[in-house]
PDB file of N, CA and C in Angstrom:
ATOM      1  N   MET A   1       1.245  21.943  18.728  1.00  0.00           N
ATOM      2  CA  MET A   1       1.644  22.082  17.343  1.00  0.00           C
ATOM      3  C   MET A   1       0.431  22.549  16.540  1.00  0.00           C
ATOM      4  N   SER A   2       0.635  23.531  15.695  1.00  0.00           N
ATOM      5  CA  SER A   2      -0.488  24.079  14.933  1.00  0.00           C
ATOM      6  C   SER A   2      -0.888  23.136  13.796  1.00  0.00           C
ATOM      7  N   HIS A   3      -2.082  23.352  13.283  1.00  0.00           N
ATOM      8  CA  HIS A   3      -2.593  22.501  12.203  1.00  0.00           C
ATOM      9  C   HIS A   3      -1.785  22.695  10.919  1.00  0.00           C
ATOM     10  N   GLY A   4      -1.273  23.902  10.703  1.00  0.00           N
ATOM     11  CA  GLY A   4      -0.471  24.159   9.504  1.00  0.00           C
ATOM     12  C   GLY A   4       0.834  23.379   9.509  1.00  0.00           C
ATOM     13  N   ILE A   5       1.488  23.320  10.653  1.00  0.00           N
ATOM     14  CA  ILE A   5       2.740  22.562  10.755  1.00  0.00           C
ATOM     15  C   ILE A   5       2.469  21.078  10.611  1.00  0.00           C
ATOM     16  N   THR A   6       1.397  20.600  11.245  1.00  0.00           N
ATOM     17  CA  THR A   6       1.036  19.184  11.126  1.00  0.00           C
ATOM     18  C   THR A   6       0.741  18.821   9.682  1.00  0.00           C
ATOM     19  N   ARG A   7      -0.003  19.681   8.994  1.00  0.00           N
ATOM     20  CA  ARG A   7      -0.336  19.434   7.593  1.00  0.00           C
ATOM     21  C   ARG A   7       0.930  19.402   6.727  1.00  0.00           C
ATOM     22  N   THR A   8       1.873  20.305   7.001  1.00  0.00           N
ATOM     23  CA  THR A   8       3.124  20.331   6.245  1.00  0.00           C
ATOM     24  C   THR A   8       3.937  19.065   6.488  1.00  0.00           C
ATOM     25  N   ILE A   9       3.982  18.597   7.721  1.00  0.00           N
ATOM     26  CA  ILE A   9       4.718  17.369   8.042  1.00  0.00           C
ATOM     27  C   ILE A   9       4.103  16.181   7.318  1.00  0.00           C
ATOM     28  N   PHE A  10       2.783  16.049   7.381  1.00  0.00           N
ATOM     29  CA  PHE A  10       2.132  14.930   6.704  1.00  0.00           C
ATOM     30  C   PHE A  10       2.275  15.024   5.191  1.00  0.00           C
ATOM     31  N   ARG A  11       2.274  16.234   4.659  1.00  0.00           N
ATOM     32  CA  ARG A  11       2.452  16.402   3.213  1.00  0.00           C
ATOM     33  C   ARG A  11       3.841  15.924   2.793  1.00  0.00           C
ATOM     34  N   TRP A  12       4.868  16.284   3.563  1.00  0.00           N
ATOM     35  CA  TRP A  12       6.218  15.850   3.212  1.00  0.00           C
ATOM     36  C   TRP A  12       6.406  14.351   3.406  1.00  0.00           C
ATOM     37  N   ILE A  13       5.796  13.782   4.431  1.00  0.00           N
ATOM     38  CA  ILE A  13       5.836  12.320   4.603  1.00  0.00           C
ATOM     39  C   ILE A  13       5.213  11.652   3.387  1.00  0.00           C
ATOM     40  N   HIS A  14       4.092  12.179   2.939  1.00  0.00           N
ATOM     41  CA  HIS A  14       3.388  11.628   1.779  1.00  0.00           C
ATOM     42  C   HIS A  14       4.264  11.710   0.525  1.00  0.00           C
ATOM     43  N   ILE A  15       4.911  12.826   0.321  1.00  0.00           N
ATOM     44  CA  ILE A  15       5.764  13.000  -0.859  1.00  0.00           C
ATOM     45  C   ILE A  15       6.988  12.105  -0.791  1.00  0.00           C
ATOM     46  N   VAL A  16       7.650  12.066   0.354  1.00  0.00           N
ATOM     47  CA  VAL A  16       8.879  11.275   0.489  1.00  0.00           C
ATOM     48  C   VAL A  16       8.602   9.789   0.306  1.00  0.00           C
ATOM     49  N   PHE A  17       7.495   9.291   0.837  1.00  0.00           N
ATOM     50  CA  PHE A  17       7.191   7.873   0.692  1.00  0.00           C
ATOM     51  C   PHE A  17       6.604   7.530  -0.664  1.00  0.00           C
ATOM     52  N   ALA A  18       6.234   8.519  -1.460  1.00  0.00           N
ATOM     53  CA  ALA A  18       5.780   8.262  -2.825  1.00  0.00           C
ATOM     54  C   ALA A  18       6.956   8.050  -3.774  1.00  0.00           C
ATOM     55  N   ILE A  19       8.111   8.604  -3.459  1.00  0.00           N
ATOM     56  CA  ILE A  19       9.282   8.488  -4.333  1.00  0.00           C
ATOM     57  C   ILE A  19       9.715   7.032  -4.518  1.00  0.00           C
ATOM     58  N   PRO A  20       9.855   6.231  -3.452  1.00  0.00           N
ATOM     59  CA  PRO A  20      10.214   4.819  -3.677  1.00  0.00           C
ATOM     60  C   PRO A  20       9.158   4.039  -4.450  1.00  0.00           C
ATOM     61  N   ILE A  21       7.896   4.418  -4.318  1.00  0.00           N
ATOM     62  CA  ILE A  21       6.846   3.734  -5.070  1.00  0.00           C
ATOM     63  C   ILE A  21       7.003   4.014  -6.558  1.00  0.00           C
ATOM     64  N   LEU A  22       7.332   5.242  -6.890  1.00  0.00           N
ATOM     65  CA  LEU A  22       7.598   5.559  -8.301  1.00  0.00           C
ATOM     66  C   LEU A  22       8.802   4.784  -8.816  1.00  0.00           C
ATOM     67  N   GLY A  23       9.825   4.655  -7.984  1.00  0.00           N
ATOM     68  CA  GLY A  23      10.979   3.846  -8.372  1.00  0.00           C
ATOM     69  C   GLY A  23      10.614   2.393  -8.583  1.00  0.00           C
ATOM     70  N   TYR A  24       9.715   1.890  -7.755  1.00  0.00           N
ATOM     71  CA  TYR A  24       9.251   0.516  -7.902  1.00  0.00           C
ATOM     72  C   TYR A  24       8.486   0.340  -9.211  1.00  0.00           C
ATOM     73  N   ILE A  25       7.652   1.307  -9.541  1.00  0.00           N
ATOM     74  CA  ILE A  25       6.839   1.201 -10.751  1.00  0.00           C
ATOM     75  C   ILE A  25       7.703   1.272 -12.005  1.00  0.00           C
ATOM     76  N   TYR A  26       8.672   2.171 -12.004  1.00  0.00           N
ATOM     77  CA  TYR A  26       9.460   2.394 -13.215  1.00  0.00           C
ATOM     78  C   TYR A  26      10.790   1.646 -13.233  1.00  0.00           C
ATOM     79  N   SER A  27      11.039   0.771 -12.273  1.00  0.00           N
ATOM     80  CA  SER A  27      12.296   0.017 -12.272  1.00  0.00           C
ATOM     81  C   SER A  27      12.218  -1.136 -13.272  1.00  0.00           C
ATOM     82  N   PRO A  28      13.370  -1.625 -13.692  1.00  0.00           N
ATOM     83  CA  PRO A  28      13.366  -2.783 -14.597  1.00  0.00           C
ATOM     84  C   PRO A  28      12.739  -4.003 -13.904  1.00  0.00           C
ATOM     85  N   PHE A  29      12.173  -4.890 -14.701  1.00  0.00           N
ATOM     86  CA  PHE A  29      11.457  -6.044 -14.138  1.00  0.00           C
ATOM     87  C   PHE A  29      12.334  -6.934 -13.270  1.00  0.00           C
ATOM     88  N   ASP A  30      13.610  -7.035 -13.562  1.00  0.00           N
ATOM     89  CA  ASP A  30      14.462  -7.898 -12.752  1.00  0.00           C
ATOM     90  C   ASP A  30      14.759  -7.303 -11.374  1.00  0.00           C
ATOM     91  N   LYS A  31      14.531  -6.025 -11.166  1.00  0.00           N
ATOM     92  CA  LYS A  31      14.767  -5.380  -9.868  1.00  0.00           C
ATOM     93  C   LYS A  31      13.513  -5.336  -8.991  1.00  0.00           C
ATOM     94  N   ILE A  32      12.352  -5.623  -9.544  1.00  0.00           N
ATOM     95  CA  ILE A  32      11.095  -5.504  -8.798  1.00  0.00           C
ATOM     96  C   ILE A  32      11.056  -6.398  -7.551  1.00  0.00           C
ATOM     97  N   PRO A  33      11.496  -7.646  -7.597  1.00  0.00           N
ATOM     98  CA  PRO A  33      11.441  -8.448  -6.365  1.00  0.00           C
ATOM     99  C   PRO A  33      12.268  -7.872  -5.218  1.00  0.00           C
ATOM    100  N   ASP A  34      13.305  -7.089  -5.528  1.00  0.00           N
ATOM    101  CA  ASP A  34      14.117  -6.485  -4.468  1.00  0.00           C
ATOM    102  C   ASP A  34      13.330  -5.433  -3.683  1.00  0.00           C
ATOM    103  N   TYR A  35      12.434  -4.734  -4.333  1.00  0.00           N
ATOM    104  CA  TYR A  35      11.694  -3.651  -3.711  1.00  0.00           C
ATOM    105  C   TYR A  35      10.276  -4.037  -3.296  1.00  0.00           C
ATOM    106  N   ALA A  36       9.815  -5.206  -3.656  1.00  0.00           N
ATOM    107  CA  ALA A  36       8.403  -5.557  -3.486  1.00  0.00           C
ATOM    108  C   ALA A  36       7.958  -5.540  -2.020  1.00  0.00           C
ATOM    109  N   PHE A  37       8.705  -6.161  -1.138  1.00  0.00           N
ATOM    110  CA  PHE A  37       8.288  -6.257   0.259  1.00  0.00           C
ATOM    111  C   PHE A  37       8.192  -4.875   0.902  1.00  0.00           C
ATOM    112  N   ARG A  38       9.248  -4.080   0.755  1.00  0.00           N
ATOM    113  CA  ARG A  38       9.249  -2.742   1.352  1.00  0.00           C
ATOM    114  C   ARG A  38       8.144  -1.866   0.765  1.00  0.00           C
ATOM    115  N   THR A  39       7.924  -1.989  -0.525  1.00  0.00           N
ATOM    116  CA  THR A  39       6.906  -1.159  -1.158  1.00  0.00           C
ATOM    117  C   THR A  39       5.518  -1.542  -0.671  1.00  0.00           C
ATOM    118  N   ARG A  40       5.231  -2.826  -0.624  1.00  0.00           N
ATOM    119  CA  ARG A  40       3.890  -3.279  -0.243  1.00  0.00           C
ATOM    120  C   ARG A  40       3.578  -3.066   1.229  1.00  0.00           C
ATOM    121  N   PHE A  41       4.556  -3.295   2.090  1.00  0.00           N
ATOM    122  CA  PHE A  41       4.259  -3.319   3.517  1.00  0.00           C
ATOM    123  C   PHE A  41       4.803  -2.133   4.302  1.00  0.00           C
ATOM    124  N   VAL A  42       5.541  -1.231   3.665  1.00  0.00           N
ATOM    125  CA  VAL A  42       6.051  -0.054   4.367  1.00  0.00           C
ATOM    126  C   VAL A  42       5.605   1.219   3.654  1.00  0.00           C
ATOM    127  N   PHE A  43       6.029   1.399   2.412  1.00  0.00           N
ATOM    128  CA  PHE A  43       5.810   2.662   1.715  1.00  0.00           C
ATOM    129  C   PHE A  43       4.340   2.918   1.389  1.00  0.00           C
ATOM    130  N   VAL A  44       3.647   1.944   0.852  1.00  0.00           N
ATOM    131  CA  VAL A  44       2.238   2.146   0.478  1.00  0.00           C
ATOM    132  C   VAL A  44       1.359   2.381   1.711  1.00  0.00           C
ATOM    133  N   PRO A  45       1.455   1.570   2.775  1.00  0.00           N
ATOM    134  CA  PRO A  45       0.602   1.856   3.935  1.00  0.00           C
ATOM    135  C   PRO A  45       0.860   3.223   4.566  1.00  0.00           C
ATOM    136  N   ILE A  46       2.130   3.627   4.665  1.00  0.00           N
ATOM    137  CA  ILE A  46       2.421   4.932   5.251  1.00  0.00           C
ATOM    138  C   ILE A  46       1.885   6.044   4.359  1.00  0.00           C
ATOM    139  N   MET A  47       2.020   5.878   3.050  1.00  0.00           N
ATOM    140  CA  MET A  47       1.516   6.893   2.141  1.00  0.00           C
ATOM    141  C   MET A  47      -0.016   6.959   2.192  1.00  0.00           C
ATOM    142  N   VAL A  48      -0.668   5.816   2.274  1.00  0.00           N
ATOM    143  CA  VAL A  48      -2.133   5.795   2.354  1.00  0.00           C
ATOM    144  C   VAL A  48      -2.604   6.436   3.658  1.00  0.00           C
ATOM    145  N   LEU A  49      -1.982   6.089   4.774  1.00  0.00           N
ATOM    146  CA  LEU A  49      -2.389   6.665   6.054  1.00  0.00           C
ATOM    147  C   LEU A  49      -2.147   8.168   6.112  1.00  0.00           C
ATOM    148  N   SER A  50      -1.023   8.623   5.583  1.00  0.00           N
ATOM    149  CA  SER A  50      -0.776  10.070   5.590  1.00  0.00           C
ATOM    150  C   SER A  50      -1.758  10.786   4.670  1.00  0.00           C
ATOM    151  N   GLY A  51      -2.099  10.184   3.539  1.00  0.00           N
ATOM    152  CA  GLY A  51      -3.084  10.782   2.648  1.00  0.00           C
ATOM    153  C   GLY A  51      -4.464  10.832   3.275  1.00  0.00           C
ATOM    154  N   LEU A  52      -4.861   9.762   3.944  1.00  0.00           N
ATOM    155  CA  LEU A  52      -6.155   9.762   4.629  1.00  0.00           C
ATOM    156  C   LEU A  52      -6.189  10.788   5.752  1.00  0.00           C
ATOM    157  N   TRP A  53      -5.070  10.926   6.469  1.00  0.00           N
ATOM    158  CA  TRP A  53      -5.021  11.906   7.549  1.00  0.00           C
ATOM    159  C   TRP A  53      -5.145  13.328   7.002  1.00  0.00           C
ATOM    160  N   MET A  54      -4.488  13.595   5.864  1.00  0.00           N
ATOM    161  CA  MET A  54      -4.604  14.926   5.265  1.00  0.00           C
ATOM    162  C   MET A  54      -6.030  15.167   4.759  1.00  0.00           C
ATOM    163  N   TRP A  55      -6.688  14.112   4.313  1.00  0.00           N
ATOM    164  CA  TRP A  55      -8.019  14.247   3.740  1.00  0.00           C
ATOM    165  C   TRP A  55      -9.094  14.321   4.821  1.00  0.00           C
ATOM    166  N   LYS A  56      -9.083  13.387   5.759  1.00  0.00           N
ATOM    167  CA  LYS A  56     -10.152  13.272   6.758  1.00  0.00           C
ATOM    168  C   LYS A  56      -9.651  13.384   8.197  1.00  0.00           C
ATOM    169  N   GLY A  57      -8.475  13.914   8.401  1.00  0.00           N
ATOM    170  CA  GLY A  57      -7.937  14.044   9.752  1.00  0.00           C
ATOM    171  C   GLY A  57      -8.748  14.963  10.641  1.00  0.00           C
ATOM    172  N   HIS A  58      -9.376  15.970  10.039  1.00  0.00           N
ATOM    173  CA  HIS A  58     -10.190  16.886  10.833  1.00  0.00           C
ATOM    174  C   HIS A  58     -11.368  16.160  11.488  1.00  0.00           C
ATOM    175  N   LEU A  59     -11.911  15.150  10.830  1.00  0.00           N
ATOM    176  CA  LEU A  59     -13.002  14.387  11.430  1.00  0.00           C
ATOM    177  C   LEU A  59     -12.511  13.524  12.592  1.00  0.00           C
ATOM    178  N   VAL A  60     -11.333  12.949  12.436  1.00  0.00           N
ATOM    179  CA  VAL A  60     -10.761  12.140  13.522  1.00  0.00           C
ATOM    180  C   VAL A  60     -10.480  13.017  14.732  1.00  0.00           C
ATOM    181  N   ARG A  61      -9.908  14.197  14.498  1.00  0.00           N
ATOM    182  CA  ARG A  61      -9.636  15.118  15.606  1.00  0.00           C
ATOM    183  C   ARG A  61     -10.933  15.552  16.285  1.00  0.00           C
ATOM    184  N   ARG A  62     -11.978  15.766  15.499  1.00  0.00           N
ATOM    185  CA  ARG A  62     -13.263  16.173  16.067  1.00  0.00           C
ATOM    186  C   ARG A  62     -13.853  15.047  16.914  1.00  0.00           C
ATOM    187  N   LEU A  63     -13.770  13.803  16.438  1.00  0.00           N
ATOM    188  CA  LEU A  63     -14.288  12.672  17.214  1.00  0.00           C
ATOM    189  C   LEU A  63     -13.517  12.488  18.515  1.00  0.00           C
ATOM    190  N   ILE A  64     -12.209  12.655  18.452  1.00  0.00           N
ATOM    191  CA  ILE A  64     -11.389  12.512  19.658  1.00  0.00           C
ATOM    192  C   ILE A  64     -11.711  13.616  20.650  1.00  0.00           C
ATOM    193  N   SER A  65     -11.855  14.846  20.160  1.00  0.00           N
ATOM    194  CA  SER A  65     -12.128  15.957  21.077  1.00  0.00           C
ATOM    195  C   SER A  65     -13.523  15.841  21.700  1.00  0.00           C
ATOM    196  N   LYS A  66     -14.497  15.286  20.998  1.00  0.00           N
ATOM    197  CA  LYS A  66     -15.828  15.091  21.577  1.00  0.00           C
ATOM    198  C   LYS A  66     -15.801  14.046  22.674  1.00  0.00           C
ATOM    199  N   LYS A  67     -14.989  13.014  22.497  1.00  0.00           N
ATOM    200  CA  LYS A  67     -14.920  11.965  23.505  1.00  0.00           C
ATOM    201  C   LYS A  67     -14.162  12.431  24.735  1.00  0.00           C
ATOM    202  N   VAL A  68     -13.185  13.280  24.581  1.00  0.00           N
ATOM    203  CA  VAL A  68     -12.365  13.720  25.706  1.00  0.00           C
ATOM    204  C   VAL A  68     -13.080  14.765  26.544  1.00  0.00           C
ATOM    205  N   LYS A  69     -13.787  15.702  25.935  1.00  0.00           N
ATOM    206  CA  LYS A  69     -14.417  16.791  26.683  1.00  0.00           C
ATOM    207  C   LYS A  69     -15.477  16.335  27.679  1.00  0.00           C
ATOM    208  N   PRO A  70     -16.411  15.449  27.313  1.00  0.00           N
ATOM    209  CA  PRO A  70     -17.392  15.023  28.320  1.00  0.00           C
ATOM    210  C   PRO A  70     -16.748  14.268  29.491  1.00  0.00           C
ATOM    211  N   ALA A  71     -15.722  13.508  29.242  1.00  0.00           N
ATOM    212  CA  ALA A  71     -15.082  12.760  30.319  1.00  0.00           C
ATOM    213  C   ALA A  71     -14.410  13.710  31.304  1.00  0.00           C
ATOM    214  N   SER A  72     -13.756  14.752  30.798  1.00  0.00           N
ATOM    215  CA  SER A  72     -13.103  15.701  31.689  1.00  0.00           C
ATOM    216  C   SER A  72     -14.122  16.580  32.408  1.00  0.00           C
ATOM    217  N   ALA A  73     -15.263  16.854  31.764  1.00  0.00           N
ATOM    218  CA  ALA A  73     -16.312  17.655  32.414  1.00  0.00           C
ATOM    219  C   ALA A  73     -16.967  16.882  33.550  1.00  0.00           C
ATOM    220  N   GLU A  74     -17.127  15.561  33.372  1.00  0.00           N
ATOM    221  CA  GLU A  74     -17.721  14.738  34.420  1.00  0.00           C
ATOM    222  C   GLU A  74     -16.818  14.668  35.644  1.00  0.00           C
ATOM    223  N   ARG A  75     -15.514  14.620  35.411  1.00  0.00           N
ATOM    224  CA  ARG A  75     -14.580  14.549  36.540  1.00  0.00           C
ATOM    225  C   ARG A  75     -14.591  15.842  37.343  1.00  0.00           C
ATOM    226  N   ALA A  76     -14.747  16.976  36.666  1.00  0.00           N
ATOM    227  CA  ALA A  76     -14.722  18.266  37.349  1.00  0.00           C
ATOM    228  C   ALA A  76     -15.988  18.483  38.171  1.00  0.00           C
ATOM    229  N   ALA A  77     -17.086  17.855  37.796  1.00  0.00           N
ATOM    230  CA  ALA A  77     -18.360  18.077  38.495  1.00  0.00           C
ATOM    231  C   ALA A  77     -18.480  17.323  39.779  1.00  0.00           C
TER     232      ALA A  77
END
């Protein structure tokens, strides 16, 4: 999968999971307890992780690729 497609997928995940958070923020006070658990433990963590991946995912991919290449080179030798 190309980096452009991955970036588009993570961008849409980020947008879709931000919508319920906006609903939580702007909902009437009597409805907030209904959405609190899902917002705190599902929507916010997924949105934060997708945002971090879009921001610093290239560093994670670089660290993973550095760790994998020497191990495969040692096996071939």
